[in-house]
Amino acid sequence: MAELDAEDAKIVTLARSSRARTGAAEGAAVRDTDGRTYAAATVALPSLRLTALQAAVAAAVSSGAEGLEAAAVVTESTAVDAESLAAVRDLAASAPVLRADPGGTVLDVLR
């Protein structure tokens, strides 16, 4: 995997810290088209379930974001689930989605 640019490294770091801070299964972060970032962790309540990427996208949308430049998810899973990817694609048809392991190593980039 090629070295990340500073902005992509930032969203991976934010995703890692969200996951670590909450002890959640996943952490995620997105960067909107204005360069603002939003981070979130998995939400697992009896009445509400969101993947970390869904929660990060929801935070961006509720703050007025109209599009995304990139997204990152930190997970132990071997793939980004379809629901998470769909949330990103609702705002950006081709924004890269970086999947990183808990150590922050980017394992693949979905486009």
PDB file of N, CA and C in Angstrom:
ATOM      1  N   MET A   1       0.862  -1.180   0.000  1.00  0.00           N
ATOM      2  CA  MET A   1       0.000   0.000   0.000  1.00  0.00           C
ATOM      3  C   MET A   1       0.904   1.237   0.000  1.00  0.00           C
ATOM      4  N   ALA A   2       0.596   2.185  -0.864  1.00  0.00           N
ATOM      5  CA  ALA A   2       1.370   3.421  -0.933  1.00  0.00           C
ATOM      6  C   ALA A   2       1.150   4.243   0.338  1.00  0.00           C
ATOM      7  N   GLU A   3       2.115   5.106   0.616  1.00  0.00           N
ATOM      8  CA  GLU A   3       1.997   5.961   1.794  1.00  0.00           C
ATOM      9  C   GLU A   3       0.813   6.919   1.619  1.00  0.00           C
ATOM     10  N   LEU A   4       0.087   7.132   2.722  1.00  0.00           N
ATOM     11  CA  LEU A   4      -1.086   8.003   2.686  1.00  0.00           C
ATOM     12  C   LEU A   4      -0.681   9.464   2.686  1.00  0.00           C
ATOM     13  N   ASP A   5      -1.500  10.299   2.029  1.00  0.00           N
ATOM     14  CA  ASP A   5      -1.269  11.733   2.158  1.00  0.00           C
ATOM     15  C   ASP A   5      -1.731  12.160   3.551  1.00  0.00           C
ATOM     16  N   ALA A   6      -1.387  13.353   3.947  1.00  0.00           N
ATOM     17  CA  ALA A   6      -1.646  13.819   5.317  1.00  0.00           C
ATOM     18  C   ALA A   6      -3.135  13.831   5.654  1.00  0.00           C
ATOM     19  N   GLU A   7      -3.979  14.202   4.711  1.00  0.00           N
ATOM     20  CA  GLU A   7      -5.422  14.271   4.977  1.00  0.00           C
ATOM     21  C   GLU A   7      -6.032  12.886   5.169  1.00  0.00           C
ATOM     22  N   ASP A   8      -5.586  11.914   4.389  1.00  0.00           N
ATOM     23  CA  ASP A   8      -6.088  10.552   4.561  1.00  0.00           C
ATOM     24  C   ASP A   8      -5.538   9.936   5.850  1.00  0.00           C
ATOM     25  N   ALA A   9      -4.290  10.210   6.160  1.00  0.00           N
ATOM     26  CA  ALA A   9      -3.718   9.717   7.422  1.00  0.00           C
ATOM     27  C   ALA A   9      -4.496  10.279   8.608  1.00  0.00           C
ATOM     28  N   LYS A  10      -4.947  11.526   8.488  1.00  0.00           N
ATOM     29  CA  LYS A  10      -5.715  12.156   9.564  1.00  0.00           C
ATOM     30  C   LYS A  10      -7.021  11.418   9.815  1.00  0.00           C
ATOM     31  N   ILE A  11      -7.763  11.048   8.767  1.00  0.00           N
ATOM     32  CA  ILE A  11      -9.032  10.369   9.009  1.00  0.00           C
ATOM     33  C   ILE A  11      -8.823   8.951   9.541  1.00  0.00           C
ATOM     34  N   VAL A  12      -7.732   8.306   9.156  1.00  0.00           N
ATOM     35  CA  VAL A  12      -7.424   6.992   9.743  1.00  0.00           C
ATOM     36  C   VAL A  12      -7.135   7.156  11.233  1.00  0.00           C
ATOM     37  N   THR A  13      -6.368   8.171  11.594  1.00  0.00           N
ATOM     38  CA  THR A  13      -6.064   8.437  13.007  1.00  0.00           C
ATOM     39  C   THR A  13      -7.328   8.756  13.796  1.00  0.00           C
ATOM     40  N   LEU A  14      -8.210   9.562  13.232  1.00  0.00           N
ATOM     41  CA  LEU A  14      -9.472   9.875  13.904  1.00  0.00           C
ATOM     42  C   LEU A  14     -10.328   8.618  14.090  1.00  0.00           C
ATOM     43  N   ALA A  15     -10.368   7.776  13.087  1.00  0.00           N
ATOM     44  CA  ALA A  15     -11.139   6.533  13.183  1.00  0.00           C
ATOM     45  C   ALA A  15     -10.557   5.621  14.269  1.00  0.00           C
ATOM     46  N   ARG A  16      -9.245   5.519  14.313  1.00  0.00           N
ATOM     47  CA  ARG A  16      -8.590   4.704  15.350  1.00  0.00           C
ATOM     48  C   ARG A  16      -8.903   5.230  16.735  1.00  0.00           C
ATOM     49  N   SER A  17      -8.833   6.544  16.908  1.00  0.00           N
ATOM     50  CA  SER A  17      -9.060   7.108  18.243  1.00  0.00           C
ATOM     51  C   SER A  17     -10.512   6.966  18.664  1.00  0.00           C
ATOM     52  N   SER A  18     -11.454   7.072  17.740  1.00  0.00           N
ATOM     53  CA  SER A  18     -12.864   6.868  18.076  1.00  0.00           C
ATOM     54  C   SER A  18     -13.102   5.444  18.558  1.00  0.00           C
ATOM     55  N   ARG A  19     -12.524   4.498  17.855  1.00  0.00           N
ATOM     56  CA  ARG A  19     -12.665   3.096  18.235  1.00  0.00           C
ATOM     57  C   ARG A  19     -12.038   2.834  19.597  1.00  0.00           C
ATOM     58  N   ALA A  20     -10.827   3.338  19.802  1.00  0.00           N
ATOM     59  CA  ALA A  20     -10.115   3.106  21.058  1.00  0.00           C
ATOM     60  C   ALA A  20     -10.810   3.779  22.245  1.00  0.00           C
ATOM     61  N   ARG A  21     -11.285   4.983  22.037  1.00  0.00           N
ATOM     62  CA  ARG A  21     -11.915   5.746  23.119  1.00  0.00           C
ATOM     63  C   ARG A  21     -13.171   5.062  23.632  1.00  0.00           C
ATOM     64  N   THR A  22     -13.935   4.456  22.740  1.00  0.00           N
ATOM     65  CA  THR A  22     -15.210   3.863  23.137  1.00  0.00           C
ATOM     66  C   THR A  22     -15.146   2.349  23.335  1.00  0.00           C
ATOM     67  N   GLY A  23     -14.087   1.733  22.862  1.00  0.00           N
ATOM     68  CA  GLY A  23     -14.000   0.278  22.925  1.00  0.00           C
ATOM     69  C   GLY A  23     -14.956  -0.399  21.954  1.00  0.00           C
ATOM     70  N   ALA A  24     -15.383   0.328  20.931  1.00  0.00           N
ATOM     71  CA  ALA A  24     -16.347  -0.185  19.956  1.00  0.00           C
ATOM     72  C   ALA A  24     -15.698  -1.164  18.987  1.00  0.00           C
ATOM     73  N   ALA A  25     -16.538  -1.882  18.279  1.00  0.00           N
ATOM     74  CA  ALA A  25     -16.050  -2.830  17.280  1.00  0.00           C
ATOM     75  C   ALA A  25     -15.319  -2.131  16.138  1.00  0.00           C
ATOM     76  N   GLU A  26     -15.804  -0.950  15.769  1.00  0.00           N
ATOM     77  CA  GLU A  26     -15.209  -0.200  14.666  1.00  0.00           C
ATOM     78  C   GLU A  26     -15.175   1.286  14.983  1.00  0.00           C
ATOM     79  N   GLY A  27     -14.262   1.970  14.333  1.00  0.00           N
ATOM     80  CA  GLY A  27     -14.217   3.425  14.352  1.00  0.00           C
ATOM     81  C   GLY A  27     -14.153   3.887  12.914  1.00  0.00           C
ATOM     82  N   ALA A  28     -14.688   5.061  12.649  1.00  0.00           N
ATOM     83  CA  ALA A  28     -14.683   5.572  11.283  1.00  0.00           C
ATOM     84  C   ALA A  28     -14.566   7.082  11.300  1.00  0.00           C
ATOM     85  N   ALA A  29     -14.138   7.615  10.172  1.00  0.00           N
ATOM     86  CA  ALA A  29     -14.089   9.060   9.987  1.00  0.00           C
ATOM     87  C   ALA A  29     -14.309   9.355   8.514  1.00  0.00           C
ATOM     88  N   VAL A  30     -14.909  10.492   8.257  1.00  0.00           N
ATOM     89  CA  VAL A  30     -15.115  10.946   6.885  1.00  0.00           C
ATOM     90  C   VAL A  30     -14.633  12.383   6.767  1.00  0.00           C
ATOM     91  N   ARG A  31     -14.260  12.764   5.543  1.00  0.00           N
ATOM     92  CA  ARG A  31     -13.878  14.145   5.236  1.00  0.00           C
ATOM     93  C   ARG A  31     -14.843  14.648   4.182  1.00  0.00           C
ATOM     94  N   ASP A  32     -15.488  15.783   4.472  1.00  0.00           N
ATOM     95  CA  ASP A  32     -16.461  16.304   3.508  1.00  0.00           C
ATOM     96  C   ASP A  32     -15.758  17.140   2.442  1.00  0.00           C
ATOM     97  N   THR A  33     -16.525  17.623   1.490  1.00  0.00           N
ATOM     98  CA  THR A  33     -15.946  18.357   0.360  1.00  0.00           C
ATOM     99  C   THR A  33     -15.432  19.737   0.749  1.00  0.00           C
ATOM    100  N   ASP A  34     -15.725  20.176   1.979  1.00  0.00           N
ATOM    101  CA  ASP A  34     -15.164  21.426   2.494  1.00  0.00           C
ATOM    102  C   ASP A  34     -13.927  21.170   3.353  1.00  0.00           C
ATOM    103  N   GLY A  35     -13.523  19.896   3.497  1.00  0.00           N
ATOM    104  CA  GLY A  35     -12.342  19.550   4.275  1.00  0.00           C
ATOM    105  C   GLY A  35     -12.604  19.300   5.756  1.00  0.00           C
ATOM    106  N   ARG A  36     -13.864  19.412   6.176  1.00  0.00           N
ATOM    107  CA  ARG A  36     -14.197  19.133   7.583  1.00  0.00           C
ATOM    108  C   ARG A  36     -14.227  17.629   7.809  1.00  0.00           C
ATOM    109  N   THR A  37     -13.875  17.213   9.024  1.00  0.00           N
ATOM    110  CA  THR A  37     -13.862  15.793   9.345  1.00  0.00           C
ATOM    111  C   THR A  37     -14.866  15.478  10.440  1.00  0.00           C
ATOM    112  N   TYR A  38     -15.364  14.258  10.390  1.00  0.00           N
ATOM    113  CA  TYR A  38     -16.345  13.767  11.347  1.00  0.00           C
ATOM    114  C   TYR A  38     -15.949  12.344  11.703  1.00  0.00           C
ATOM    115  N   ALA A  39     -15.927  12.037  12.986  1.00  0.00           N
ATOM    116  CA  ALA A  39     -15.538  10.708  13.434  1.00  0.00           C
ATOM    117  C   ALA A  39     -16.645  10.111  14.283  1.00  0.00           C
ATOM    118  N   ALA A  40     -16.721   8.796  14.278  1.00  0.00           N
ATOM    119  CA  ALA A  40     -17.738   8.099  15.060  1.00  0.00           C
ATOM    120  C   ALA A  40     -17.294   6.665  15.291  1.00  0.00           C
ATOM    121  N   ALA A  41     -17.994   6.015  16.200  1.00  0.00           N
ATOM    122  CA  ALA A  41     -17.762   4.601  16.484  1.00  0.00           C
ATOM    123  C   ALA A  41     -19.078   3.861  16.287  1.00  0.00           C
ATOM    124  N   THR A  42     -18.997   2.557  16.290  1.00  0.00           N
ATOM    125  CA  THR A  42     -20.180   1.717  16.192  1.00  0.00           C
ATOM    126  C   THR A  42     -21.183   2.103  17.274  1.00  0.00           C
ATOM    127  N   VAL A  43     -22.452   2.196  16.894  1.00  0.00           N
ATOM    128  CA  VAL A  43     -23.532   2.466  17.843  1.00  0.00           C
ATOM    129  C   VAL A  43     -24.333   1.170  17.974  1.00  0.00           C
ATOM    130  N   ALA A  44     -24.384   0.641  19.188  1.00  0.00           N
ATOM    131  CA  ALA A  44     -25.102  -0.615  19.423  1.00  0.00           C
ATOM    132  C   ALA A  44     -25.992  -0.464  20.645  1.00  0.00           C
ATOM    133  N   LEU A  45     -27.109   0.223  20.445  1.00  0.00           N
ATOM    134  CA  LEU A  45     -28.107   0.420  21.491  1.00  0.00           C
ATOM    135  C   LEU A  45     -29.294  -0.504  21.216  1.00  0.00           C
ATOM    136  N   PRO A  46     -30.081  -0.780  22.232  1.00  0.00           N
ATOM    137  CA  PRO A  46     -31.257  -1.621  21.979  1.00  0.00           C
ATOM    138  C   PRO A  46     -32.180  -1.031  20.898  1.00  0.00           C
ATOM    139  N   SER A  47     -32.281   0.281  20.837  1.00  0.00           N
ATOM    140  CA  SER A  47     -33.204   0.903  19.884  1.00  0.00           C
ATOM    141  C   SER A  47     -32.523   1.493  18.654  1.00  0.00           C
ATOM    142  N   LEU A  48     -31.202   1.458  18.577  1.00  0.00           N
ATOM    143  CA  LEU A  48     -30.491   2.065  17.455  1.00  0.00           C
ATOM    144  C   LEU A  48     -29.191   1.332  17.185  1.00  0.00           C
ATOM    145  N   ARG A  49     -29.018   0.911  15.948  1.00  0.00           N
ATOM    146  CA  ARG A  49     -27.782   0.245  15.537  1.00  0.00           C
ATOM    147  C   ARG A  49     -27.253   0.926  14.278  1.00  0.00           C
ATOM    148  N   LEU A  50     -26.011   1.400  14.365  1.00  0.00           N
ATOM    149  CA  LEU A  50     -25.343   2.015  13.221  1.00  0.00           C
ATOM    150  C   LEU A  50     -23.923   1.487  13.163  1.00  0.00           C
ATOM    151  N   THR A  51     -23.450   1.228  11.948  1.00  0.00           N
ATOM    152  CA  THR A  51     -22.033   0.942  11.801  1.00  0.00           C
ATOM    153  C   THR A  51     -21.277   2.245  12.054  1.00  0.00           C
ATOM    154  N   ALA A  52     -19.995   2.137  12.287  1.00  0.00           N
ATOM    155  CA  ALA A  52     -19.205   3.338  12.522  1.00  0.00           C
ATOM    156  C   ALA A  52     -19.255   4.280  11.318  1.00  0.00           C
ATOM    157  N   LEU A  53     -19.181   3.733  10.108  1.00  0.00           N
ATOM    158  CA  LEU A  53     -19.240   4.592   8.915  1.00  0.00           C
ATOM    159  C   LEU A  53     -20.611   5.236   8.767  1.00  0.00           C
ATOM    160  N   GLN A  54     -21.670   4.493   9.051  1.00  0.00           N
ATOM    161  CA  GLN A  54     -22.998   5.093   9.006  1.00  0.00           C
ATOM    162  C   GLN A  54     -23.093   6.250   9.997  1.00  0.00           C
ATOM    163  N   ALA A  55     -22.554   6.071  11.194  1.00  0.00           N
ATOM    164  CA  ALA A  55     -22.605   7.122  12.216  1.00  0.00           C
ATOM    165  C   ALA A  55     -21.785   8.336  11.796  1.00  0.00           C
ATOM    166  N   ALA A  56     -20.620   8.107  11.196  1.00  0.00           N
ATOM    167  CA  ALA A  56     -19.789   9.227  10.743  1.00  0.00           C
ATOM    168  C   ALA A  56     -20.472   9.981   9.608  1.00  0.00           C
ATOM    169  N   VAL A  57     -21.091   9.255   8.685  1.00  0.00           N
ATOM    170  CA  VAL A  57     -21.824   9.901   7.599  1.00  0.00           C
ATOM    171  C   VAL A  57     -23.006  10.683   8.169  1.00  0.00           C
ATOM    172  N   ALA A  58     -23.715  10.108   9.124  1.00  0.00           N
ATOM    173  CA  ALA A  58     -24.843  10.809   9.756  1.00  0.00           C
ATOM    174  C   ALA A  58     -24.376  12.098  10.420  1.00  0.00           C
ATOM    175  N   ALA A  59     -23.228  12.053  11.091  1.00  0.00           N
ATOM    176  CA  ALA A  59     -22.692  13.267  11.725  1.00  0.00           C
ATOM    177  C   ALA A  59     -22.380  14.321  10.671  1.00  0.00           C
ATOM    178  N   ALA A  60     -21.799  13.901   9.555  1.00  0.00           N
ATOM    179  CA  ALA A  60     -21.480  14.845   8.487  1.00  0.00           C
ATOM    180  C   ALA A  60     -22.745  15.463   7.900  1.00  0.00           C
ATOM    181  N   VAL A  61     -23.717  14.628   7.596  1.00  0.00           N
ATOM    182  CA  VAL A  61     -24.963  15.119   6.999  1.00  0.00           C
ATOM    183  C   VAL A  61     -25.688  16.047   7.962  1.00  0.00           C
ATOM    184  N   SER A  62     -25.726  15.686   9.240  1.00  0.00           N
ATOM    185  CA  SER A  62     -26.441  16.529  10.205  1.00  0.00           C
ATOM    186  C   SER A  62     -25.727  17.855  10.445  1.00  0.00           C
ATOM    187  N   SER A  63     -24.473  17.945  10.009  1.00  0.00           N
ATOM    188  CA  SER A  63     -23.725  19.202  10.105  1.00  0.00           C
ATOM    189  C   SER A  63     -23.753  19.983   8.794  1.00  0.00           C
ATOM    190  N   GLY A  64     -24.472  19.467   7.809  1.00  0.00           N
ATOM    191  CA  GLY A  64     -24.636  20.195   6.558  1.00  0.00           C
ATOM    192  C   GLY A  64     -23.769  19.741   5.404  1.00  0.00           C
ATOM    193  N   ALA A  65     -23.003  18.674   5.565  1.00  0.00           N
ATOM    194  CA  ALA A  65     -22.157  18.195   4.465  1.00  0.00           C
ATOM    195  C   ALA A  65     -23.026  17.723   3.309  1.00  0.00           C
ATOM    196  N   GLU A  66     -22.630  18.111   2.109  1.00  0.00           N
ATOM    197  CA  GLU A  66     -23.365  17.707   0.912  1.00  0.00           C
ATOM    198  C   GLU A  66     -22.624  16.660   0.097  1.00  0.00           C
ATOM    199  N   GLY A  67     -21.367  16.426   0.430  1.00  0.00           N
ATOM    200  CA  GLY A  67     -20.574  15.433  -0.280  1.00  0.00           C
ATOM    201  C   GLY A  67     -19.387  15.020   0.560  1.00  0.00           C
ATOM    202  N   LEU A  68     -18.752  13.923   0.174  1.00  0.00           N
ATOM    203  CA  LEU A  68     -17.575  13.414   0.870  1.00  0.00           C
ATOM    204  C   LEU A  68     -16.408  13.293  -0.089  1.00  0.00           C
ATOM    205  N   GLU A  69     -15.212  13.584   0.432  1.00  0.00           N
ATOM    206  CA  GLU A  69     -13.984  13.374  -0.333  1.00  0.00           C
ATOM    207  C   GLU A  69     -13.398  12.000  -0.062  1.00  0.00           C
ATOM    208  N   ALA A  70     -13.494  11.532   1.194  1.00  0.00           N
ATOM    209  CA  ALA A  70     -12.883  10.255   1.566  1.00  0.00           C
ATOM    210  C   ALA A  70     -13.479   9.772   2.879  1.00  0.00           C
ATOM    211  N   ALA A  71     -13.302   8.476   3.119  1.00  0.00           N
ATOM    212  CA  ALA A  71     -13.760   7.861   4.361  1.00  0.00           C
ATOM    213  C   ALA A  71     -12.743   6.825   4.795  1.00  0.00           C
ATOM    214  N   ALA A  72     -12.732   6.548   6.094  1.00  0.00           N
ATOM    215  CA  ALA A  72     -11.853   5.506   6.627  1.00  0.00           C
ATOM    216  C   ALA A  72     -12.604   4.747   7.703  1.00  0.00           C
ATOM    217  N   VAL A  73     -12.365   3.452   7.751  1.00  0.00           N
ATOM    218  CA  VAL A  73     -12.928   2.624   8.811  1.00  0.00           C
ATOM    219  C   VAL A  73     -11.812   1.754   9.377  1.00  0.00           C
ATOM    220  N   VAL A  74     -11.743   1.718  10.692  1.00  0.00           N
ATOM    221  CA  VAL A  74     -10.782   0.865  11.393  1.00  0.00           C
ATOM    222  C   VAL A  74     -11.566  -0.306  11.951  1.00  0.00           C
ATOM    223  N   THR A  75     -11.177  -1.498  11.539  1.00  0.00           N
ATOM    224  CA  THR A  75     -11.942  -2.686  11.866  1.00  0.00           C
ATOM    225  C   THR A  75     -11.051  -3.915  11.869  1.00  0.00           C
ATOM    226  N   GLU A  76     -11.504  -4.937  12.550  1.00  0.00           N
ATOM    227  CA  GLU A  76     -10.837  -6.235  12.479  1.00  0.00           C
ATOM    228  C   GLU A  76     -11.455  -7.092  11.389  1.00  0.00           C
ATOM    229  N   SER A  77     -12.523  -6.621  10.783  1.00  0.00           N
ATOM    230  CA  SER A  77     -13.202  -7.346   9.723  1.00  0.00           C
ATOM    231  C   SER A  77     -12.333  -7.383   8.469  1.00  0.00           C
ATOM    232  N   THR A  78     -12.565  -8.383   7.659  1.00  0.00           N
ATOM    233  CA  THR A  78     -11.807  -8.521   6.416  1.00  0.00           C
ATOM    234  C   THR A  78     -12.403  -7.728   5.261  1.00  0.00           C
ATOM    235  N   ALA A  79     -13.530  -7.045   5.510  1.00  0.00           N
ATOM    236  CA  ALA A  79     -14.171  -6.265   4.457  1.00  0.00           C
ATOM    237  C   ALA A  79     -15.017  -5.159   5.080  1.00  0.00           C
ATOM    238  N   VAL A  80     -15.283  -4.143   4.292  1.00  0.00           N
ATOM    239  CA  VAL A  80     -16.223  -3.095   4.691  1.00  0.00           C
ATOM    240  C   VAL A  80     -17.610  -3.606   4.326  1.00  0.00           C
ATOM    241  N   ASP A  81     -18.534  -3.612   5.298  1.00  0.00           N
ATOM    242  CA  ASP A  81     -19.862  -4.171   5.032  1.00  0.00           C
ATOM    243  C   ASP A  81     -20.644  -3.287   4.053  1.00  0.00           C
ATOM    244  N   ALA A  82     -21.617  -3.898   3.414  1.00  0.00           N
ATOM    245  CA  ALA A  82     -22.388  -3.231   2.369  1.00  0.00           C
ATOM    246  C   ALA A  82     -23.140  -2.009   2.892  1.00  0.00           C
ATOM    247  N   GLU A  83     -23.674  -2.078   4.106  1.00  0.00           N
ATOM    248  CA  GLU A  83     -24.424  -0.955   4.664  1.00  0.00           C
ATOM    249  C   GLU A  83     -23.534   0.265   4.864  1.00  0.00           C
ATOM    250  N   SER A  84     -22.324   0.034   5.340  1.00  0.00           N
ATOM    251  CA  SER A  84     -21.378   1.132   5.535  1.00  0.00           C
ATOM    252  C   SER A  84     -21.002   1.772   4.206  1.00  0.00           C
ATOM    253  N   LEU A  85     -20.683   0.942   3.250  1.00  0.00           N
ATOM    254  CA  LEU A  85     -20.300   1.447   1.934  1.00  0.00           C
ATOM    255  C   LEU A  85     -21.460   2.200   1.288  1.00  0.00           C
ATOM    256  N   ALA A  86     -22.679   1.708   1.460  1.00  0.00           N
ATOM    257  CA  ALA A  86     -23.847   2.385   0.892  1.00  0.00           C
ATOM    258  C   ALA A  86     -24.026   3.780   1.480  1.00  0.00           C
ATOM    259  N   ALA A  87     -23.772   3.930   2.778  1.00  0.00           N
ATOM    260  CA  ALA A  87     -23.906   5.250   3.410  1.00  0.00           C
ATOM    261  C   ALA A  87     -22.936   6.247   2.791  1.00  0.00           C
ATOM    262  N   VAL A  88     -21.715   5.814   2.550  1.00  0.00           N
ATOM    263  CA  VAL A  88     -20.725   6.690   1.912  1.00  0.00           C
ATOM    264  C   VAL A  88     -21.159   7.001   0.485  1.00  0.00           C
ATOM    265  N   ARG A  89     -21.595   5.983  -0.248  1.00  0.00           N
ATOM    266  CA  ARG A  89     -21.978   6.163  -1.657  1.00  0.00           C
ATOM    267  C   ARG A  89     -23.211   7.051  -1.822  1.00  0.00           C
ATOM    268  N   ASP A  90     -24.030   7.174  -0.781  1.00  0.00           N
ATOM    269  CA  ASP A  90     -25.160   8.103  -0.853  1.00  0.00           C
ATOM    270  C   ASP A  90     -24.686   9.535  -1.063  1.00  0.00           C
ATOM    271  N   LEU A  91     -23.491   9.854  -0.574  1.00  0.00           N
ATOM    272  CA  LEU A  91     -22.954  11.216  -0.706  1.00  0.00           C
ATOM    273  C   LEU A  91     -21.827  11.334  -1.722  1.00  0.00           C
ATOM    274  N   ALA A  92     -21.203  10.221  -2.069  1.00  0.00           N
ATOM    275  CA  ALA A  92     -20.054  10.287  -2.976  1.00  0.00           C
ATOM    276  C   ALA A  92     -19.908   8.965  -3.716  1.00  0.00           C
ATOM    277  N   ALA A  93     -20.205   8.988  -4.986  1.00  0.00           N
ATOM    278  CA  ALA A  93     -20.189   7.757  -5.778  1.00  0.00           C
ATOM    279  C   ALA A  93     -18.816   7.113  -5.881  1.00  0.00           C
ATOM    280  N   SER A  94     -17.757   7.919  -5.793  1.00  0.00           N
ATOM    281  CA  SER A  94     -16.429   7.341  -6.009  1.00  0.00           C
ATOM    282  C   SER A  94     -15.392   7.745  -4.959  1.00  0.00           C
ATOM    283  N   ALA A  95     -15.819   8.274  -3.831  1.00  0.00           N
ATOM    284  CA  ALA A  95     -14.848   8.641  -2.784  1.00  0.00           C
ATOM    285  C   ALA A  95     -14.135   7.385  -2.290  1.00  0.00           C
ATOM    286  N   PRO A  96     -12.833   7.459  -2.095  1.00  0.00           N
ATOM    287  CA  PRO A  96     -12.129   6.284  -1.577  1.00  0.00           C
ATOM    288  C   PRO A  96     -12.552   5.974  -0.143  1.00  0.00           C
ATOM    289  N   VAL A  97     -12.709   4.682   0.142  1.00  0.00           N
ATOM    290  CA  VAL A  97     -12.999   4.208   1.492  1.00  0.00           C
ATOM    291  C   VAL A  97     -11.813   3.355   1.910  1.00  0.00           C
ATOM    292  N   LEU A  98     -11.068   3.852   2.889  1.00  0.00           N
ATOM    293  CA  LEU A  98      -9.879   3.155   3.365  1.00  0.00           C
ATOM    294  C   LEU A  98     -10.260   2.204   4.488  1.00  0.00           C
ATOM    295  N   ARG A  99      -9.857   0.938   4.371  1.00  0.00           N
ATOM    296  CA  ARG A  99     -10.071  -0.030   5.444  1.00  0.00           C
ATOM    297  C   ARG A  99      -8.729  -0.276   6.113  1.00  0.00           C
ATOM    298  N   ALA A 100      -8.692   0.002   7.418  1.00  0.00           N
ATOM    299  CA  ALA A 100      -7.448  -0.144   8.171  1.00  0.00           C
ATOM    300  C   ALA A 100      -7.645  -1.112   9.323  1.00  0.00           C
ATOM    301  N   ASP A 101      -6.550  -1.733   9.727  1.00  0.00           N
ATOM    302  CA  ASP A 101      -6.611  -2.607  10.893  1.00  0.00           C
ATOM    303  C   ASP A 101      -6.492  -1.761  12.159  1.00  0.00           C
ATOM    304  N   PRO A 102      -6.695  -2.337  13.337  1.00  0.00           N
ATOM    305  CA  PRO A 102      -6.645  -1.556  14.577  1.00  0.00           C
ATOM    306  C   PRO A 102      -5.326  -0.822  14.817  1.00  0.00           C
ATOM    307  N   GLY A 103      -4.258  -1.265  14.190  1.00  0.00           N
ATOM    308  CA  GLY A 103      -2.973  -0.588  14.305  1.00  0.00           C
ATOM    309  C   GLY A 103      -2.842   0.608  13.376  1.00  0.00           C
ATOM    310  N   GLY A 104      -3.824   0.799  12.498  1.00  0.00           N
ATOM    311  CA  GLY A 104      -3.804   1.929  11.581  1.00  0.00           C
ATOM    312  C   GLY A 104      -3.208   1.635  10.220  1.00  0.00           C
ATOM    313  N   THR A 105      -2.851   0.385   9.971  1.00  0.00           N
ATOM    314  CA  THR A 105      -2.316   0.022   8.662  1.00  0.00           C
ATOM    315  C   THR A 105      -3.464  -0.110   7.673  1.00  0.00           C
ATOM    316  N   VAL A 106      -3.406   0.664   6.596  1.00  0.00           N
ATOM    317  CA  VAL A 106      -4.447   0.595   5.577  1.00  0.00           C
ATOM    318  C   VAL A 106      -4.241  -0.677   4.767  1.00  0.00           C
ATOM    319  N   LEU A 107      -5.280  -1.516   4.762  1.00  0.00           N
ATOM    320  CA  LEU A 107      -5.200  -2.806   4.090  1.00  0.00           C
ATOM    321  C   LEU A 107      -5.750  -2.768   2.679  1.00  0.00           C
ATOM    322  N   ASP A 108      -6.748  -1.946   2.440  1.00  0.00           N
ATOM    323  CA  ASP A 108      -7.235  -1.762   1.080  1.00  0.00           C
ATOM    324  C   ASP A 108      -8.022  -0.468   0.966  1.00  0.00           C
ATOM    325  N   VAL A 109      -8.231  -0.058  -0.275  1.00  0.00           N
ATOM    326  CA  VAL A 109      -8.961   1.170  -0.584  1.00  0.00           C
ATOM    327  C   VAL A 109     -10.027   0.815  -1.597  1.00  0.00           C
ATOM    328  N   LEU A 110     -11.280   1.063  -1.208  1.00  0.00           N
ATOM    329  CA  LEU A 110     -12.408   0.807  -2.108  1.00  0.00           C
ATOM    330  C   LEU A 110     -12.735   2.100  -2.842  1.00  0.00           C
ATOM    331  N   ARG A 111     -12.948   2.014  -4.134  1.00  0.00           N
ATOM    332  CA  ARG A 111     -13.282   3.205  -4.927  1.00  0.00           C
ATOM    333  C   ARG A 111     -14.605   3.013  -5.617  1.00  0.00           C
TER     334      ARG A 111
END
